[in-house]
Amino acid sequence: MKQRFRLRRRQDFDRVMRSQRFFAGQAIVALARSNPDGRWRVGVTVSRQLRGAVRRNHLRRRLREAARASLLPGEPQAGEHDPAYDVVLIGRPAALDLPFSALQEETARVRARLRAGQP
């Protein structure tokens, strides 16, 4: 995922974590906050309760790729205005056992809920 699409600073993560918009799925918990800059940005975190740095990093890479593939917007269509969000994805231990397509489906559901304006 390109750097311009990532949440990098602690302050940005904290701002999103205080938001009221969330999605809880089998593999991820997503928190979102509208972004006035008009850009989608994604941050990924995994709890240290998931033992082993290798496993945590593997899950982070899978979540980043799933977000890049199905959460971040493509090229906008003519006349289409898509509101932008800062999103934090929190990986759950169940995400390690799910196939990648299931992770993509969950991130796509997060995007669908945000576009529909559901809290």
PDB file of N, CA and C in Angstrom:
ATOM      1  N   MET A   1       0.851  -1.163   0.000  1.00  0.00           N
ATOM      2  CA  MET A   1       0.000   0.000   0.000  1.00  0.00           C
ATOM      3  C   MET A   1       0.902   1.234   0.000  1.00  0.00           C
ATOM      4  N   LYS A   2       0.559   2.193  -0.842  1.00  0.00           N
ATOM      5  CA  LYS A   2       1.374   3.392  -0.942  1.00  0.00           C
ATOM      6  C   LYS A   2       1.275   4.222   0.329  1.00  0.00           C
ATOM      7  N   GLN A   3       2.331   4.946   0.602  1.00  0.00           N
ATOM      8  CA  GLN A   3       2.448   5.698   1.846  1.00  0.00           C
ATOM      9  C   GLN A   3       1.336   6.736   1.992  1.00  0.00           C
ATOM     10  N   ARG A   4       0.902   7.331   0.903  1.00  0.00           N
ATOM     11  CA  ARG A   4      -0.135   8.371   1.013  1.00  0.00           C
ATOM     12  C   ARG A   4      -1.485   7.812   1.449  1.00  0.00           C
ATOM     13  N   PHE A   5      -1.661   6.494   1.370  1.00  0.00           N
ATOM     14  CA  PHE A   5      -2.904   5.864   1.785  1.00  0.00           C
ATOM     15  C   PHE A   5      -2.835   5.295   3.192  1.00  0.00           C
ATOM     16  N   ARG A   6      -1.748   5.516   3.910  1.00  0.00           N
ATOM     17  CA  ARG A   6      -1.579   4.929   5.242  1.00  0.00           C
ATOM     18  C   ARG A   6      -1.741   5.967   6.347  1.00  0.00           C
ATOM     19  N   LEU A   7      -2.274   5.498   7.453  1.00  0.00           N
ATOM     20  CA  LEU A   7      -2.230   6.285   8.685  1.00  0.00           C
ATOM     21  C   LEU A   7      -0.900   5.931   9.335  1.00  0.00           C
ATOM     22  N   ARG A   8      -0.118   6.917   9.687  1.00  0.00           N
ATOM     23  CA  ARG A   8       1.210   6.624  10.198  1.00  0.00           C
ATOM     24  C   ARG A   8       1.465   7.167  11.594  1.00  0.00           C
ATOM     25  N   ARG A   9       0.873   8.305  11.915  1.00  0.00           N
ATOM     26  CA  ARG A   9       1.162   8.934  13.200  1.00  0.00           C
ATOM     27  C   ARG A   9       0.216   8.454  14.287  1.00  0.00           C
ATOM     28  N   ARG A  10       0.709   8.369  15.481  1.00  0.00           N
ATOM     29  CA  ARG A  10      -0.072   7.949  16.634  1.00  0.00           C
ATOM     30  C   ARG A  10      -1.295   8.838  16.819  1.00  0.00           C
ATOM     31  N   GLN A  11      -1.117  10.120  16.597  1.00  0.00           N
ATOM     32  CA  GLN A  11      -2.193  11.098  16.731  1.00  0.00           C
ATOM     33  C   GLN A  11      -3.347  10.758  15.778  1.00  0.00           C
ATOM     34  N   ASP A  12      -3.054  10.345  14.557  1.00  0.00           N
ATOM     35  CA  ASP A  12      -4.090   9.976  13.597  1.00  0.00           C
ATOM     36  C   ASP A  12      -4.834   8.714  14.047  1.00  0.00           C
ATOM     37  N   PHE A  13      -4.077   7.719  14.531  1.00  0.00           N
ATOM     38  CA  PHE A  13      -4.697   6.495  15.032  1.00  0.00           C
ATOM     39  C   PHE A  13      -5.628   6.816  16.199  1.00  0.00           C
ATOM     40  N   ASP A  14      -5.165   7.638  17.138  1.00  0.00           N
ATOM     41  CA  ASP A  14      -5.976   7.981  18.309  1.00  0.00           C
ATOM     42  C   ASP A  14      -7.257   8.700  17.914  1.00  0.00           C
ATOM     43  N   ARG A  15      -7.160   9.600  16.944  1.00  0.00           N
ATOM     44  CA  ARG A  15      -8.330  10.346  16.492  1.00  0.00           C
ATOM     45  C   ARG A  15      -9.386   9.390  15.925  1.00  0.00           C
ATOM     46  N   VAL A  16      -8.952   8.407  15.149  1.00  0.00           N
ATOM     47  CA  VAL A  16      -9.893   7.441  14.576  1.00  0.00           C
ATOM     48  C   VAL A  16     -10.447   6.518  15.656  1.00  0.00           C
ATOM     49  N   MET A  17      -9.602   6.119  16.609  1.00  0.00           N
ATOM     50  CA  MET A  17     -10.035   5.201  17.663  1.00  0.00           C
ATOM     51  C   MET A  17     -11.107   5.823  18.560  1.00  0.00           C
ATOM     52  N   ARG A  18     -11.147   7.134  18.647  1.00  0.00           N
ATOM     53  CA  ARG A  18     -12.167   7.809  19.454  1.00  0.00           C
ATOM     54  C   ARG A  18     -13.480   7.975  18.700  1.00  0.00           C
ATOM     55  N   SER A  19     -13.519   7.602  17.440  1.00  0.00           N
ATOM     56  CA  SER A  19     -14.723   7.802  16.632  1.00  0.00           C
ATOM     57  C   SER A  19     -15.835   6.841  17.032  1.00  0.00           C
ATOM     58  N   GLN A  20     -17.019   7.133  16.587  1.00  0.00           N
ATOM     59  CA  GLN A  20     -18.185   6.329  16.926  1.00  0.00           C
ATOM     60  C   GLN A  20     -18.547   5.316  15.841  1.00  0.00           C
ATOM     61  N   ARG A  21     -17.886   5.348  14.695  1.00  0.00           N
ATOM     62  CA  ARG A  21     -18.221   4.444  13.595  1.00  0.00           C
ATOM     63  C   ARG A  21     -17.338   3.216  13.678  1.00  0.00           C
ATOM     64  N   PHE A  22     -17.968   2.056  13.775  1.00  0.00           N
ATOM     65  CA  PHE A  22     -17.172   0.833  13.835  1.00  0.00           C
ATOM     66  C   PHE A  22     -17.903  -0.317  13.170  1.00  0.00           C
ATOM     67  N   PHE A  23     -17.139  -1.304  12.796  1.00  0.00           N
ATOM     68  CA  PHE A  23     -17.640  -2.528  12.188  1.00  0.00           C
ATOM     69  C   PHE A  23     -16.897  -3.667  12.858  1.00  0.00           C
ATOM     70  N   ALA A  24     -17.635  -4.656  13.333  1.00  0.00           N
ATOM     71  CA  ALA A  24     -17.004  -5.822  13.946  1.00  0.00           C
ATOM     72  C   ALA A  24     -17.367  -7.042  13.123  1.00  0.00           C
ATOM     73  N   GLY A  25     -16.356  -7.685  12.582  1.00  0.00           N
ATOM     74  CA  GLY A  25     -16.560  -8.888  11.801  1.00  0.00           C
ATOM     75  C   GLY A  25     -15.857 -10.059  12.458  1.00  0.00           C
ATOM     76  N   GLN A  26     -15.823 -11.164  11.755  1.00  0.00           N
ATOM     77  CA  GLN A  26     -15.179 -12.356  12.278  1.00  0.00           C
ATOM     78  C   GLN A  26     -13.670 -12.183  12.370  1.00  0.00           C
ATOM     79  N   ALA A  27     -13.071 -11.514  11.399  1.00  0.00           N
ATOM     80  CA  ALA A  27     -11.621 -11.413  11.336  1.00  0.00           C
ATOM     81  C   ALA A  27     -11.076 -10.046  11.712  1.00  0.00           C
ATOM     82  N   ILE A  28     -11.888  -9.003  11.574  1.00  0.00           N
ATOM     83  CA  ILE A  28     -11.385  -7.652  11.823  1.00  0.00           C
ATOM     84  C   ILE A  28     -12.402  -6.826  12.599  1.00  0.00           C
ATOM     85  N   VAL A  29     -11.877  -5.801  13.227  1.00  0.00           N
ATOM     86  CA  VAL A  29     -12.685  -4.728  13.789  1.00  0.00           C
ATOM     87  C   VAL A  29     -12.199  -3.481  13.071  1.00  0.00           C
ATOM     88  N   ALA A  30     -13.121  -2.713  12.534  1.00  0.00           N
ATOM     89  CA  ALA A  30     -12.754  -1.516  11.792  1.00  0.00           C
ATOM     90  C   ALA A  30     -13.391  -0.305  12.460  1.00  0.00           C
ATOM     91  N   LEU A  31     -12.593   0.732  12.633  1.00  0.00           N
ATOM     92  CA  LEU A  31     -13.087   2.006  13.151  1.00  0.00           C
ATOM     93  C   LEU A  31     -12.831   3.042  12.065  1.00  0.00           C
ATOM     94  N   ALA A  32     -13.768   3.971  11.897  1.00  0.00           N
ATOM     95  CA  ALA A  32     -13.632   4.935  10.803  1.00  0.00           C
ATOM     96  C   ALA A  32     -14.014   6.335  11.268  1.00  0.00           C
ATOM     97  N   ARG A  33     -13.417   7.299  10.610  1.00  0.00           N
ATOM     98  CA  ARG A  33     -13.694   8.706  10.858  1.00  0.00           C
ATOM     99  C   ARG A  33     -13.612   9.419   9.522  1.00  0.00           C
ATOM    100  N   SER A  34     -14.527  10.325   9.260  1.00  0.00           N
ATOM    101  CA  SER A  34     -14.489  11.025   7.976  1.00  0.00           C
ATOM    102  C   SER A  34     -13.216  11.860   7.871  1.00  0.00           C
ATOM    103  N   ASN A  35     -12.721  11.971   6.657  1.00  0.00           N
ATOM    104  CA  ASN A  35     -11.481  12.684   6.393  1.00  0.00           C
ATOM    105  C   ASN A  35     -11.797  13.893   5.519  1.00  0.00           C
ATOM    106  N   PRO A  36     -11.630  15.096   6.040  1.00  0.00           N
ATOM    107  CA  PRO A  36     -11.969  16.294   5.255  1.00  0.00           C
ATOM    108  C   PRO A  36     -11.007  16.549   4.084  1.00  0.00           C
ATOM    109  N   ASP A  37      -9.853  15.875   4.061  1.00  0.00           N
ATOM    110  CA  ASP A  37      -8.892  16.077   2.973  1.00  0.00           C
ATOM    111  C   ASP A  37      -9.348  15.443   1.668  1.00  0.00           C
ATOM    112  N   GLY A  38     -10.359  14.573   1.748  1.00  0.00           N
ATOM    113  CA  GLY A  38     -10.853  13.930   0.536  1.00  0.00           C
ATOM    114  C   GLY A  38     -10.057  12.707   0.127  1.00  0.00           C
ATOM    115  N   ARG A  39      -9.201  12.195   1.018  1.00  0.00           N
ATOM    116  CA  ARG A  39      -8.408  10.998   0.716  1.00  0.00           C
ATOM    117  C   ARG A  39      -8.754   9.898   1.702  1.00  0.00           C
ATOM    118  N   TRP A  40      -8.793   8.668   1.206  1.00  0.00           N
ATOM    119  CA  TRP A  40      -8.933   7.502   2.080  1.00  0.00           C
ATOM    120  C   TRP A  40      -7.556   7.171   2.623  1.00  0.00           C
ATOM    121  N   ARG A  41      -7.495   6.893   3.933  1.00  0.00           N
ATOM    122  CA  ARG A  41      -6.250   6.415   4.539  1.00  0.00           C
ATOM    123  C   ARG A  41      -6.585   5.251   5.452  1.00  0.00           C
ATOM    124  N   VAL A  42      -5.677   4.281   5.520  1.00  0.00           N
ATOM    125  CA  VAL A  42      -5.911   3.070   6.302  1.00  0.00           C
ATOM    126  C   VAL A  42      -4.725   2.830   7.213  1.00  0.00           C
ATOM    127  N   GLY A  43      -5.021   2.466   8.453  1.00  0.00           N
ATOM    128  CA  GLY A  43      -4.007   2.040   9.401  1.00  0.00           C
ATOM    129  C   GLY A  43      -4.345   0.633   9.856  1.00  0.00           C
ATOM    130  N   VAL A  44      -3.327  -0.183  10.055  1.00  0.00           N
ATOM    131  CA  VAL A  44      -3.535  -1.580  10.451  1.00  0.00           C
ATOM    132  C   VAL A  44      -2.801  -1.820  11.758  1.00  0.00           C
ATOM    133  N   THR A  45      -3.478  -2.483  12.678  1.00  0.00           N
ATOM    134  CA  THR A  45      -2.846  -2.837  13.939  1.00  0.00           C
ATOM    135  C   THR A  45      -3.311  -4.230  14.348  1.00  0.00           C
ATOM    136  N   VAL A  46      -2.452  -4.905  15.079  1.00  0.00           N
ATOM    137  CA  VAL A  46      -2.750  -6.241  15.579  1.00  0.00           C
ATOM    138  C   VAL A  46      -2.307  -6.281  17.033  1.00  0.00           C
ATOM    139  N   SER A  47      -3.156  -6.805  17.896  1.00  0.00           N
ATOM    140  CA  SER A  47      -2.872  -6.859  19.314  1.00  0.00           C
ATOM    141  C   SER A  47      -1.699  -7.791  19.612  1.00  0.00           C
ATOM    142  N   ARG A  48      -0.967  -7.476  20.647  1.00  0.00           N
ATOM    143  CA  ARG A  48       0.131  -8.353  21.070  1.00  0.00           C
ATOM    144  C   ARG A  48      -0.387  -9.612  21.741  1.00  0.00           C
ATOM    145  N   GLN A  49      -1.697  -9.686  21.945  1.00  0.00           N
ATOM    146  CA  GLN A  49      -2.278 -10.922  22.452  1.00  0.00           C
ATOM    147  C   GLN A  49      -2.096 -12.050  21.440  1.00  0.00           C
ATOM    148  N   LEU A  50      -1.927 -11.680  20.198  1.00  0.00           N
ATOM    149  CA  LEU A  50      -1.601 -12.654  19.162  1.00  0.00           C
ATOM    150  C   LEU A  50      -0.096 -12.894  19.264  1.00  0.00           C
ATOM    151  N   ARG A  51       0.274 -13.978  19.916  1.00  0.00           N
ATOM    152  CA  ARG A  51       1.675 -14.239  20.252  1.00  0.00           C
ATOM    153  C   ARG A  51       2.536 -14.499  19.022  1.00  0.00           C
ATOM    154  N   GLY A  52       3.739 -13.977  19.071  1.00  0.00           N
ATOM    155  CA  GLY A  52       4.726 -14.193  18.026  1.00  0.00           C
ATOM    156  C   GLY A  52       4.731 -13.054  17.021  1.00  0.00           C
ATOM    157  N   ALA A  53       5.866 -12.375  16.930  1.00  0.00           N
ATOM    158  CA  ALA A  53       5.992 -11.237  16.031  1.00  0.00           C
ATOM    159  C   ALA A  53       5.808 -11.647  14.572  1.00  0.00           C
ATOM    160  N   VAL A  54       6.247 -12.830  14.222  1.00  0.00           N
ATOM    161  CA  VAL A  54       6.120 -13.294  12.840  1.00  0.00           C
ATOM    162  C   VAL A  54       4.646 -13.419  12.467  1.00  0.00           C
ATOM    163  N   ARG A  55       3.845 -13.983  13.354  1.00  0.00           N
ATOM    164  CA  ARG A  55       2.416 -14.130  13.089  1.00  0.00           C
ATOM    165  C   ARG A  55       1.725 -12.769  13.010  1.00  0.00           C
ATOM    166  N   ARG A  56       2.074 -11.850  13.915  1.00  0.00           N
ATOM    167  CA  ARG A  56       1.477 -10.508  13.880  1.00  0.00           C
ATOM    168  C   ARG A  56       1.818  -9.793  12.581  1.00  0.00           C
ATOM    169  N   ASN A  57       3.082  -9.851  12.191  1.00  0.00           N
ATOM    170  CA  ASN A  57       3.497  -9.173  10.961  1.00  0.00           C
ATOM    171  C   ASN A  57       2.842  -9.796   9.732  1.00  0.00           C
ATOM    172  N   HIS A  58       2.698 -11.121   9.731  1.00  0.00           N
ATOM    173  CA  HIS A  58       2.030 -11.793   8.623  1.00  0.00           C
ATOM    174  C   HIS A  58       0.582 -11.309   8.507  1.00  0.00           C
ATOM    175  N   LEU A  59      -0.102 -11.215   9.635  1.00  0.00           N
ATOM    176  CA  LEU A  59      -1.482 -10.741   9.621  1.00  0.00           C
ATOM    177  C   LEU A  59      -1.552  -9.283   9.177  1.00  0.00           C
ATOM    178  N   ARG A  60      -0.631  -8.456   9.629  1.00  0.00           N
ATOM    179  CA  ARG A  60      -0.605  -7.046   9.187  1.00  0.00           C
ATOM    180  C   ARG A  60      -0.468  -6.945   7.680  1.00  0.00           C
ATOM    181  N   ARG A  61       0.439  -7.730   7.104  1.00  0.00           N
ATOM    182  CA  ARG A  61       0.631  -7.695   5.654  1.00  0.00           C
ATOM    183  C   ARG A  61      -0.628  -8.141   4.919  1.00  0.00           C
ATOM    184  N   ARG A  62      -1.289  -9.179   5.415  1.00  0.00           N
ATOM    185  CA  ARG A  62      -2.521  -9.664   4.784  1.00  0.00           C
ATOM    186  C   ARG A  62      -3.625  -8.607   4.863  1.00  0.00           C
ATOM    187  N   LEU A  63      -3.756  -7.956   6.022  1.00  0.00           N
ATOM    188  CA  LEU A  63      -4.790  -6.928   6.171  1.00  0.00           C
ATOM    189  C   LEU A  63      -4.510  -5.713   5.290  1.00  0.00           C
ATOM    190  N   ARG A  64      -3.249  -5.308   5.200  1.00  0.00           N
ATOM    191  CA  ARG A  64      -2.901  -4.179   4.337  1.00  0.00           C
ATOM    192  C   ARG A  64      -3.257  -4.477   2.878  1.00  0.00           C
ATOM    193  N   GLU A  65      -2.945  -5.676   2.435  1.00  0.00           N
ATOM    194  CA  GLU A  65      -3.239  -6.044   1.047  1.00  0.00           C
ATOM    195  C   GLU A  65      -4.740  -6.149   0.817  1.00  0.00           C
ATOM    196  N   ALA A  66      -5.470  -6.702   1.774  1.00  0.00           N
ATOM    197  CA  ALA A  66      -6.929  -6.780   1.641  1.00  0.00           C
ATOM    198  C   ALA A  66      -7.523  -5.370   1.580  1.00  0.00           C
ATOM    199  N   ALA A  67      -7.010  -4.462   2.378  1.00  0.00           N
ATOM    200  CA  ALA A  67      -7.494  -3.080   2.365  1.00  0.00           C
ATOM    201  C   ALA A  67      -7.168  -2.414   1.033  1.00  0.00           C
ATOM    202  N   ARG A  68      -5.972  -2.643   0.534  1.00  0.00           N
ATOM    203  CA  ARG A  68      -5.585  -2.045  -0.747  1.00  0.00           C
ATOM    204  C   ARG A  68      -6.482  -2.556  -1.871  1.00  0.00           C
ATOM    205  N   ALA A  69      -6.801  -3.839  -1.826  1.00  0.00           N
ATOM    206  CA  ALA A  69      -7.569  -4.448  -2.903  1.00  0.00           C
ATOM    207  C   ALA A  69      -9.059  -4.119  -2.847  1.00  0.00           C
ATOM    208  N   SER A  70      -9.648  -4.023  -1.654  1.00  0.00           N
ATOM    209  CA  SER A  70     -11.101  -3.887  -1.619  1.00  0.00           C
ATOM    210  C   SER A  70     -11.643  -2.738  -0.771  1.00  0.00           C
ATOM    211  N   LEU A  71     -10.808  -2.042  -0.045  1.00  0.00           N
ATOM    212  CA  LEU A  71     -11.304  -0.939   0.779  1.00  0.00           C
ATOM    213  C   LEU A  71     -10.985   0.408   0.146  1.00  0.00           C
ATOM    214  N   LEU A  72      -9.766   0.569  -0.332  1.00  0.00           N
ATOM    215  CA  LEU A  72      -9.390   1.838  -0.940  1.00  0.00           C
ATOM    216  C   LEU A  72     -10.109   2.007  -2.271  1.00  0.00           C
ATOM    217  N   PRO A  73     -10.551   3.215  -2.580  1.00  0.00           N
ATOM    218  CA  PRO A  73     -11.316   3.420  -3.815  1.00  0.00           C
ATOM    219  C   PRO A  73     -10.426   3.336  -5.047  1.00  0.00           C
ATOM    220  N   GLY A  74     -11.053   2.948  -6.139  1.00  0.00           N
ATOM    221  CA  GLY A  74     -10.383   2.991  -7.434  1.00  0.00           C
ATOM    222  C   GLY A  74     -10.547   4.387  -8.017  1.00  0.00           C
ATOM    223  N   GLU A  75     -10.470   4.473  -9.309  1.00  0.00           N
ATOM    224  CA  GLU A  75     -10.687   5.753  -9.978  1.00  0.00           C
ATOM    225  C   GLU A  75     -12.168   6.112  -9.901  1.00  0.00           C
ATOM    226  N   PRO A  76     -12.506   7.340  -9.487  1.00  0.00           N
ATOM    227  CA  PRO A  76     -13.917   7.719  -9.391  1.00  0.00           C
ATOM    228  C   PRO A  76     -14.560   7.808 -10.772  1.00  0.00           C
ATOM    229  N   GLN A  77     -15.831   7.437 -10.849  1.00  0.00           N
ATOM    230  CA  GLN A  77     -16.599   7.555 -12.086  1.00  0.00           C
ATOM    231  C   GLN A  77     -17.024   9.007 -12.250  1.00  0.00           C
ATOM    232  N   ALA A  78     -17.391   9.386 -13.463  1.00  0.00           N
ATOM    233  CA  ALA A  78     -17.826  10.749 -13.735  1.00  0.00           C
ATOM    234  C   ALA A  78     -19.074  11.065 -12.916  1.00  0.00           C
ATOM    235  N   GLY A  79     -19.037  12.162 -12.183  1.00  0.00           N
ATOM    236  CA  GLY A  79     -20.175  12.590 -11.395  1.00  0.00           C
ATOM    237  C   GLY A  79     -20.331  11.873 -10.063  1.00  0.00           C
ATOM    238  N   GLU A  80     -19.451  10.945  -9.758  1.00  0.00           N
ATOM    239  CA  GLU A  80     -19.551  10.194  -8.509  1.00  0.00           C
ATOM    240  C   GLU A  80     -18.698  10.868  -7.447  1.00  0.00           C
ATOM    241  N   HIS A  81     -19.315  11.112  -6.297  1.00  0.00           N
ATOM    242  CA  HIS A  81     -18.564  11.689  -5.183  1.00  0.00           C
ATOM    243  C   HIS A  81     -18.594  10.693  -4.031  1.00  0.00           C
ATOM    244  N   ASP A  82     -17.456  10.203  -3.690  1.00  0.00           N
ATOM    245  CA  ASP A  82     -17.336   9.205  -2.632  1.00  0.00           C
ATOM    246  C   ASP A  82     -16.695   9.878  -1.427  1.00  0.00           C
ATOM    247  N   PRO A  83     -17.384   9.945  -0.276  1.00  0.00           N
ATOM    248  CA  PRO A  83     -16.764  10.566   0.892  1.00  0.00           C
ATOM    249  C   PRO A  83     -15.531   9.785   1.317  1.00  0.00           C
ATOM    250  N   ALA A  84     -14.572  10.495   1.868  1.00  0.00           N
ATOM    251  CA  ALA A  84     -13.308   9.866   2.260  1.00  0.00           C
ATOM    252  C   ALA A  84     -13.297   9.605   3.763  1.00  0.00           C
ATOM    253  N   TYR A  85     -12.567   8.561   4.152  1.00  0.00           N
ATOM    254  CA  TYR A  85     -12.484   8.168   5.555  1.00  0.00           C
ATOM    255  C   TYR A  85     -11.061   7.795   5.924  1.00  0.00           C
ATOM    256  N   ASP A  86     -10.761   7.974   7.206  1.00  0.00           N
ATOM    257  CA  ASP A  86      -9.588   7.365   7.822  1.00  0.00           C
ATOM    258  C   ASP A  86     -10.111   6.116   8.510  1.00  0.00           C
ATOM    259  N   VAL A  87      -9.501   4.974   8.240  1.00  0.00           N
ATOM    260  CA  VAL A  87      -9.983   3.697   8.762  1.00  0.00           C
ATOM    261  C   VAL A  87      -8.837   2.999   9.481  1.00  0.00           C
ATOM    262  N   VAL A  88      -9.112   2.469  10.674  1.00  0.00           N
ATOM    263  CA  VAL A  88      -8.156   1.634  11.399  1.00  0.00           C
ATOM    264  C   VAL A  88      -8.716   0.220  11.415  1.00  0.00           C
ATOM    265  N   LEU A  89      -7.932  -0.728  10.914  1.00  0.00           N
ATOM    266  CA  LEU A  89      -8.311  -2.137  10.930  1.00  0.00           C
ATOM    267  C   LEU A  89      -7.547  -2.816  12.047  1.00  0.00           C
ATOM    268  N   ILE A  90      -8.265  -3.504  12.913  1.00  0.00           N
ATOM    269  CA  ILE A  90      -7.652  -4.236  14.015  1.00  0.00           C
ATOM    270  C   ILE A  90      -7.845  -5.716  13.718  1.00  0.00           C
ATOM    271  N   GLY A  91      -6.747  -6.439  13.590  1.00  0.00           N
ATOM    272  CA  GLY A  91      -6.814  -7.854  13.257  1.00  0.00           C
ATOM    273  C   GLY A  91      -7.143  -8.712  14.464  1.00  0.00           C
ATOM    274  N   ARG A  92      -8.034  -9.659  14.274  1.00  0.00           N
ATOM    275  CA  ARG A  92      -8.380 -10.623  15.309  1.00  0.00           C
ATOM    276  C   ARG A  92      -7.631 -11.926  15.025  1.00  0.00           C
ATOM    277  N   PRO A  93      -7.411 -12.740  16.041  1.00  0.00           N
ATOM    278  CA  PRO A  93      -6.706 -14.013  15.824  1.00  0.00           C
ATOM    279  C   PRO A  93      -7.366 -14.914  14.785  1.00  0.00           C
ATOM    280  N   ALA A  94      -8.670 -14.845  14.627  1.00  0.00           N
ATOM    281  CA  ALA A  94      -9.363 -15.675  13.637  1.00  0.00           C
ATOM    282  C   ALA A  94      -8.935 -15.345  12.210  1.00  0.00           C
ATOM    283  N   ALA A  95      -8.400 -14.147  11.990  1.00  0.00           N
ATOM    284  CA  ALA A  95      -7.983 -13.736  10.650  1.00  0.00           C
ATOM    285  C   ALA A  95      -6.831 -14.577  10.118  1.00  0.00           C
ATOM    286  N   LEU A  96      -6.036 -15.149  11.010  1.00  0.00           N
ATOM    287  CA  LEU A  96      -4.918 -15.983  10.559  1.00  0.00           C
ATOM    288  C   LEU A  96      -5.393 -17.253   9.866  1.00  0.00           C
ATOM    289  N   ASP A  97      -6.528 -17.781  10.285  1.00  0.00           N
ATOM    290  CA  ASP A  97      -7.017 -19.041   9.746  1.00  0.00           C
ATOM    291  C   ASP A  97      -7.940 -18.871   8.542  1.00  0.00           C
ATOM    292  N   LEU A  98      -8.392 -17.657   8.282  1.00  0.00           N
ATOM    293  CA  LEU A  98      -9.302 -17.426   7.169  1.00  0.00           C
ATOM    294  C   LEU A  98      -8.541 -17.297   5.857  1.00  0.00           C
ATOM    295  N   PRO A  99      -9.153 -17.712   4.767  1.00  0.00           N
ATOM    296  CA  PRO A  99      -8.522 -17.484   3.469  1.00  0.00           C
ATOM    297  C   PRO A  99      -8.518 -15.991   3.137  1.00  0.00           C
ATOM    298  N   PHE A 100      -7.627 -15.608   2.255  1.00  0.00           N
ATOM    299  CA  PHE A 100      -7.478 -14.200   1.905  1.00  0.00           C
ATOM    300  C   PHE A 100      -8.771 -13.631   1.321  1.00  0.00           C
ATOM    301  N   SER A 101      -9.507 -14.424   0.574  1.00  0.00           N
ATOM    302  CA  SER A 101     -10.759 -13.947  -0.022  1.00  0.00           C
ATOM    303  C   SER A 101     -11.765 -13.536   1.053  1.00  0.00           C
ATOM    304  N   ALA A 102     -11.764 -14.223   2.195  1.00  0.00           N
ATOM    305  CA  ALA A 102     -12.666 -13.853   3.295  1.00  0.00           C
ATOM    306  C   ALA A 102     -12.261 -12.509   3.899  1.00  0.00           C
ATOM    307  N   LEU A 103     -10.963 -12.248   3.983  1.00  0.00           N
ATOM    308  CA  LEU A 103     -10.506 -10.939   4.476  1.00  0.00           C
ATOM    309  C   LEU A 103     -10.932  -9.834   3.518  1.00  0.00           C
ATOM    310  N   GLN A 104     -10.811 -10.106   2.228  1.00  0.00           N
ATOM    311  CA  GLN A 104     -11.231  -9.116   1.238  1.00  0.00           C
ATOM    312  C   GLN A 104     -12.732  -8.845   1.339  1.00  0.00           C
ATOM    313  N   GLU A 105     -13.517  -9.893   1.564  1.00  0.00           N
ATOM    314  CA  GLU A 105     -14.960  -9.711   1.698  1.00  0.00           C
ATOM    315  C   GLU A 105     -15.296  -8.852   2.914  1.00  0.00           C
ATOM    316  N   GLU A 106     -14.602  -9.063   4.022  1.00  0.00           N
ATOM    317  CA  GLU A 106     -14.878  -8.255   5.215  1.00  0.00           C
ATOM    318  C   GLU A 106     -14.498  -6.798   5.001  1.00  0.00           C
ATOM    319  N   THR A 107     -13.365  -6.547   4.362  1.00  0.00           N
ATOM    320  CA  THR A 107     -12.980  -5.151   4.102  1.00  0.00           C
ATOM    321  C   THR A 107     -13.935  -4.516   3.099  1.00  0.00           C
ATOM    322  N   ALA A 108     -14.440  -5.299   2.155  1.00  0.00           N
ATOM    323  CA  ALA A 108     -15.425  -4.775   1.201  1.00  0.00           C
ATOM    324  C   ALA A 108     -16.725  -4.424   1.931  1.00  0.00           C
ATOM    325  N   ARG A 109     -17.109  -5.229   2.931  1.00  0.00           N
ATOM    326  CA  ARG A 109     -18.312  -4.915   3.723  1.00  0.00           C
ATOM    327  C   ARG A 109     -18.124  -3.622   4.510  1.00  0.00           C
ATOM    328  N   VAL A 110     -16.911  -3.405   5.018  1.00  0.00           N
ATOM    329  CA  VAL A 110     -16.634  -2.155   5.730  1.00  0.00           C
ATOM    330  C   VAL A 110     -16.851  -0.978   4.783  1.00  0.00           C
ATOM    331  N   ARG A 111     -16.309  -1.075   3.579  1.00  0.00           N
ATOM    332  CA  ARG A 111     -16.458   0.008   2.595  1.00  0.00           C
ATOM    333  C   ARG A 111     -17.931   0.221   2.242  1.00  0.00           C
ATOM    334  N   ALA A 112     -18.671  -0.857   2.053  1.00  0.00           N
ATOM    335  CA  ALA A 112     -20.092  -0.741   1.706  1.00  0.00           C
ATOM    336  C   ALA A 112     -20.865  -0.039   2.816  1.00  0.00           C
ATOM    337  N   ARG A 113     -20.564  -0.379   4.054  1.00  0.00           N
ATOM    338  CA  ARG A 113     -21.256   0.265   5.177  1.00  0.00           C
ATOM    339  C   ARG A 113     -20.905   1.747   5.264  1.00  0.00           C
ATOM    340  N   LEU A 114     -19.654   2.084   5.003  1.00  0.00           N
ATOM    341  CA  LEU A 114     -19.258   3.491   5.044  1.00  0.00           C
ATOM    342  C   LEU A 114     -19.916   4.275   3.922  1.00  0.00           C
ATOM    343  N   ARG A 115     -19.984   3.694   2.749  1.00  0.00           N
ATOM    344  CA  ARG A 115     -20.620   4.390   1.611  1.00  0.00           C
ATOM    345  C   ARG A 115     -22.104   4.556   1.837  1.00  0.00           C
ATOM    346  N   ALA A 116     -22.730   3.604   2.534  1.00  0.00           N
ATOM    347  CA  ALA A 116     -24.159   3.693   2.796  1.00  0.00           C
ATOM    348  C   ALA A 116     -24.471   4.675   3.934  1.00  0.00           C
ATOM    349  N   GLY A 117     -23.430   5.096   4.636  1.00  0.00           N
ATOM    350  CA  GLY A 117     -23.632   6.053   5.728  1.00  0.00           C
ATOM    351  C   GLY A 117     -24.093   5.425   7.016  1.00  0.00           C
ATOM    352  N   GLN A 118     -23.924   4.109   7.142  1.00  0.00           N
ATOM    353  CA  GLN A 118     -24.320   3.435   8.377  1.00  0.00           C
ATOM    354  C   GLN A 118     -23.269   3.655   9.450  1.00  0.00           C
ATOM    355  N   PRO A 119     -23.693   3.829  10.687  1.00  0.00           N
ATOM    356  CA  PRO A 119     -22.704   3.995  11.772  1.00  0.00           C
ATOM    357  C   PRO A 119     -22.022   2.694  12.121  1.00  0.00           C
TER     358      PRO A 119
END
